[in-house]
Amino acid sequence: MDNGSPRGSIFGDSSGFHGDNMGGVYIKSTDDMVYFDGEVDFSNATISRLKISAVEGVQNKLNSLQNEIGEIRGDLFNGLSINAII
């Protein structure tokens, strides 16, 4: 409540844990990290202040994986015999 007016709510029900507010919602730990365990869905969110190094690390791993898959496909294709007569 803010000056007698409802500003937000926090509750749990059969579909999950809910936290709503008419202003910002802050999750902060002053002594340690904030951890998420399980699926985190940001598909309808605007994300700000995300450190680019975190995104770059994931992107580098994806690029490396795509390169490895490409090499495997190339090796497989080069190793195939099409319409071969033995």
Protein backbone atom coordinates (compact mmCIF):
# COMPACT_ATOMS: atom_id res chain seq x y z
CA MET A 1 0.00 0.00 0.00
CA ASP A 2 1.13 3.54 -0.71
CA ASN A 3 -0.89 6.25 1.05
CA GLY A 4 -3.78 3.80 1.35
CA SER A 5 -3.75 2.83 -2.35
CA PRO A 6 -2.79 -0.70 -3.41
CA ARG A 7 0.50 -0.65 -5.32
CA GLY A 8 1.29 -4.31 -5.80
CA SER A 9 0.91 -7.85 -4.63
CA ILE A 10 2.90 -10.97 -3.99
CA PHE A 11 1.31 -14.39 -3.75
CA GLY A 12 1.59 -18.02 -4.72
CA ASP A 13 -1.04 -20.25 -6.25
CA SER A 14 -1.27 -23.48 -8.25
CA SER A 15 0.25 -21.83 -11.33
CA GLY A 16 3.28 -20.37 -9.56
CA PHE A 17 4.70 -17.51 -7.51
CA HIS A 18 3.53 -14.05 -8.56
CA GLY A 19 4.93 -10.62 -7.81
CA ASP A 20 3.29 -7.53 -9.31
CA ASN A 21 3.79 -3.84 -8.75
CA MET A 22 2.64 -0.57 -10.29
CA GLY A 23 6.29 0.57 -10.30
CA GLY A 24 9.54 -1.29 -10.72
CA VAL A 25 10.09 -4.71 -9.18
CA TYR A 26 13.56 -5.19 -7.73
CA ILE A 27 15.20 -8.48 -6.81
CA LYS A 28 18.44 -7.85 -4.97
CA SER A 29 20.78 -9.72 -2.68
CA THR A 30 23.18 -7.49 -0.78
CA ASP A 31 25.42 -10.35 0.41
CA ASP A 32 25.51 -12.81 -2.48
CA MET A 33 24.25 -13.64 -5.97
CA VAL A 34 20.64 -13.91 -7.10
CA TYR A 35 20.12 -17.36 -8.58
CA PHE A 36 17.48 -18.65 -10.98
CA ASP A 37 16.93 -22.40 -11.10
CA GLY A 38 14.89 -23.83 -13.95
CA GLU A 39 13.33 -22.08 -16.91
CA VAL A 40 13.55 -18.29 -17.03
CA ASP A 41 11.40 -16.71 -19.76
CA PHE A 42 12.23 -13.21 -20.99
CA SER A 43 10.23 -13.48 -24.23
CA ASN A 44 7.94 -10.56 -23.30
CA ALA A 45 10.56 -8.52 -21.45
CA THR A 46 12.76 -5.56 -22.19
CA ILE A 47 16.20 -6.25 -20.75
CA SER A 48 18.47 -3.39 -19.75
CA ARG A 49 21.92 -3.21 -18.17
CA LEU A 50 22.84 -6.75 -19.20
CA LYS A 51 26.60 -7.09 -19.40
CA ILE A 52 27.52 -7.76 -23.01
CA SER A 53 30.33 -10.12 -21.94
CA ALA A 54 27.69 -12.59 -20.75
CA VAL A 55 25.97 -12.53 -24.13
CA GLU A 56 29.26 -12.65 -26.04
CA GLY A 57 30.35 -15.75 -24.10
CA VAL A 58 27.19 -17.59 -25.08
CA GLN A 59 27.45 -16.34 -28.67
CA ASN A 60 31.07 -17.55 -28.91
CA LYS A 61 30.04 -21.00 -27.69
CA LEU A 62 27.19 -21.12 -30.22
CA ASN A 63 29.50 -20.07 -33.04
CA SER A 64 32.02 -22.75 -32.06
CA LEU A 65 29.27 -25.38 -31.95
CA GLN A 66 27.95 -24.30 -35.37
CA ASN A 67 31.48 -24.58 -36.80
CA GLU A 68 31.88 -28.09 -35.38
CA ILE A 69 28.52 -29.15 -36.83
CA GLY A 70 29.55 -27.72 -40.20
CA GLU A 71 32.80 -29.68 -40.13
CA ILE A 72 30.95 -32.89 -39.25
CA ARG A 73 28.49 -32.31 -42.11
CA GLY A 74 31.38 -31.63 -44.49
CA ASP A 75 33.22 -34.78 -43.42
CA LEU A 76 30.04 -36.81 -43.78
CA PHE A 77 29.25 -35.41 -47.22
CA ASN A 78 32.81 -35.95 -48.47
CA GLY A 79 32.77 -39.51 -47.19
CA LEU A 80 29.57 -40.50 -48.98
CA SER A 81 29.56 -42.44 -52.22
CA ILE A 82 26.57 -41.71 -54.42
CA ASN A 83 25.43 -44.36 -56.94
CA ALA A 84 28.64 -46.30 -56.35
CA ILE A 85 29.13 -49.60 -58.15
CA ILE A 86 31.24 -52.10 -56.26
